């Protein structure tokens, strides 16, 4: 069981890294850093298509990573 969880954790880690690296940058330079947060906060730029999919995939993989990490730590400790 412990080995299966560790292998699954590695797969989730690689998937999370790939999902983060495939996303586009949200800002370009200093001007994007200043105005980009406000536009994102008030919803002027809505993610569509692949950006929306990658964003949701990143959230799902991050939650799965936290759950698996906690579970593996519990099994290794006992």
C-alpha atoms as a PDB file:
ATOM      1  CA  UNK A   1       0.000   0.000   0.000  1.00  0.00           C
ATOM      2  CA  UNK A   2       2.798   2.386   0.905  1.00  0.00           C
ATOM      3  CA  UNK A   3       4.635   1.708  -2.363  1.00  0.00           C
ATOM      4  CA  UNK A   4       1.456   2.276  -4.391  1.00  0.00           C
ATOM      5  CA  UNK A   5       0.841   5.613  -2.674  1.00  0.00           C
ATOM      6  CA  UNK A   6       4.436   6.731  -3.265  1.00  0.00           C
ATOM      7  CA  UNK A   7       4.238   5.857  -6.965  1.00  0.00           C
ATOM      8  CA  UNK A   8       0.901   7.682  -7.235  1.00  0.00           C
ATOM      9  CA  UNK A   9       2.425  10.682  -5.457  1.00  0.00           C
ATOM     10  CA  UNK A  10       5.297  10.833  -7.954  1.00  0.00           C
ATOM     11  CA  UNK A  11       2.834  10.662 -10.868  1.00  0.00           C
ATOM     12  CA  UNK A  12       0.755  13.475  -9.367  1.00  0.00           C
ATOM     13  CA  UNK A  13       3.924  15.538  -8.801  1.00  0.00           C
ATOM     14  CA  UNK A  14       4.998  15.191 -12.426  1.00  0.00           C
ATOM     15  CA  UNK A  15       1.474  16.041 -13.594  1.00  0.00           C
ATOM     16  CA  UNK A  16       1.357  19.123 -11.357  1.00  0.00           C
ATOM     17  CA  UNK A  17       4.719  20.346 -12.637  1.00  0.00           C
ATOM     18  CA  UNK A  18       3.609  19.845 -16.240  1.00  0.00           C
ATOM     19  CA  UNK A  19       0.281  21.615 -15.667  1.00  0.00           C
ATOM     20  CA  UNK A  20       1.992  24.636 -14.111  1.00  0.00           C
ATOM     21  CA  UNK A  21       4.621  24.866 -16.836  1.00  0.00           C
ATOM     22  CA  UNK A  22       2.046  24.650 -19.638  1.00  0.00           C
ATOM     23  CA  UNK A  23       0.113  27.686 -18.390  1.00  0.00           C
ATOM     24  CA  UNK A  24       0.643  31.080 -19.961  1.00  0.00           C
ATOM     25  CA  UNK A  25       2.116  33.913 -17.942  1.00  0.00           C
ATOM     26  CA  UNK A  26      -0.503  36.268 -16.507  1.00  0.00           C
ATOM     27  CA  UNK A  27       1.515  39.459 -16.838  1.00  0.00           C
ATOM     28  CA  UNK A  28       4.127  40.905 -19.149  1.00  0.00           C
ATOM     29  CA  UNK A  29       6.602  43.177 -17.424  1.00  0.00           C
ATOM     30  CA  UNK A  30       5.957  45.824 -14.797  1.00  0.00           C
ATOM     31  CA  UNK A  31       2.830  47.259 -16.410  1.00  0.00           C
ATOM     32  CA  UNK A  32       1.191  43.852 -16.371  1.00  0.00           C
ATOM     33  CA  UNK A  33       2.132  43.380 -12.735  1.00  0.00           C
ATOM     34  CA  UNK A  34       0.435  46.616 -11.724  1.00  0.00           C
ATOM     35  CA  UNK A  35      -2.766  46.350 -13.725  1.00  0.00           C
ATOM     36  CA  UNK A  36      -2.934  42.574 -14.125  1.00  0.00           C
ATOM     37  CA  UNK A  37      -3.995  41.882 -10.562  1.00  0.00           C
ATOM     38  CA  UNK A  38      -6.890  44.330 -10.680  1.00  0.00           C
ATOM     39  CA  UNK A  39      -8.142  43.006 -14.003  1.00  0.00           C
ATOM     40  CA  UNK A  40      -7.975  39.450 -12.734  1.00  0.00           C
ATOM     41  CA  UNK A  41      -9.706  40.408  -9.490  1.00  0.00           C
ATOM     42  CA  UNK A  42     -12.664  42.088 -11.174  1.00  0.00           C
ATOM     43  CA  UNK A  43     -12.997  39.454 -13.895  1.00  0.00           C
ATOM     44  CA  UNK A  44     -12.262  41.478 -17.010  1.00  0.00           C
ATOM     45  CA  UNK A  45     -10.119  38.677 -18.380  1.00  0.00           C
ATOM     46  CA  UNK A  46     -11.926  35.374 -18.191  1.00  0.00           C
ATOM     47  CA  UNK A  47     -10.024  32.194 -18.868  1.00  0.00           C
ATOM     48  CA  UNK A  48     -11.390  30.118 -21.713  1.00  0.00           C
ATOM     49  CA  UNK A  49     -10.515  26.874 -23.391  1.00  0.00           C
ATOM     50  CA  UNK A  50      -7.141  25.438 -22.573  1.00  0.00           C
ATOM     51  CA  UNK A  51      -6.319  28.107 -19.961  1.00  0.00           C
ATOM     52  CA  UNK A  52      -9.447  27.268 -17.981  1.00  0.00           C
ATOM     53  CA  UNK A  53      -8.753  23.536 -18.248  1.00  0.00           C
ATOM     54  CA  UNK A  54      -5.139  23.914 -17.089  1.00  0.00           C
ATOM     55  CA  UNK A  55      -6.196  26.147 -14.211  1.00  0.00           C
ATOM     56  CA  UNK A  56      -8.756  23.633 -12.960  1.00  0.00           C
ATOM     57  CA  UNK A  57      -6.338  20.745 -13.514  1.00  0.00           C
ATOM     58  CA  UNK A  58      -3.691  22.541 -11.455  1.00  0.00           C
ATOM     59  CA  UNK A  59      -6.125  23.061  -8.576  1.00  0.00           C
ATOM     60  CA  UNK A  60      -7.253  19.423  -8.663  1.00  0.00           C
ATOM     61  CA  UNK A  61      -3.686  18.096  -8.800  1.00  0.00           C
ATOM     62  CA  UNK A  62      -2.591  20.413  -5.972  1.00  0.00           C
ATOM     63  CA  UNK A  63      -5.407  19.174  -3.718  1.00  0.00           C
ATOM     64  CA  UNK A  64      -4.596  15.572  -4.626  1.00  0.00           C
ATOM     65  CA  UNK A  65      -0.906  16.238  -3.912  1.00  0.00           C
ATOM     66  CA  UNK A  66      -1.667  17.576  -0.430  1.00  0.00           C
ATOM     67  CA  UNK A  67      -3.939  14.647   0.403  1.00  0.00           C
ATOM     68  CA  UNK A  68      -1.449  12.063  -0.890  1.00  0.00           C
ATOM     69  CA  UNK A  69       1.486  13.723   0.875  1.00  0.00           C
ATOM     70  CA  UNK A  70      -0.348  13.667   4.179  1.00  0.00           C
ATOM     71  CA  UNK A  71      -1.407  10.050   3.666  1.00  0.00           C
ATOM     72  CA  UNK A  72       2.098   8.889   2.724  1.00  0.00           C
ATOM     73  CA  UNK A  73       3.568  10.736   5.719  1.00  0.00           C
ATOM     74  CA  UNK A  74       1.074   8.999   7.995  1.00  0.00           C
ATOM     75  CA  UNK A  75       1.905   5.527   6.605  1.00  0.00           C
ATOM     76  CA  UNK A  76       5.669   6.088   6.713  1.00  0.00           C
ATOM     77  CA  UNK A  77       5.503   7.281  10.301  1.00  0.00           C
ATOM     78  CA  UNK A  78       3.592   4.278  11.605  1.00  0.00           C
END
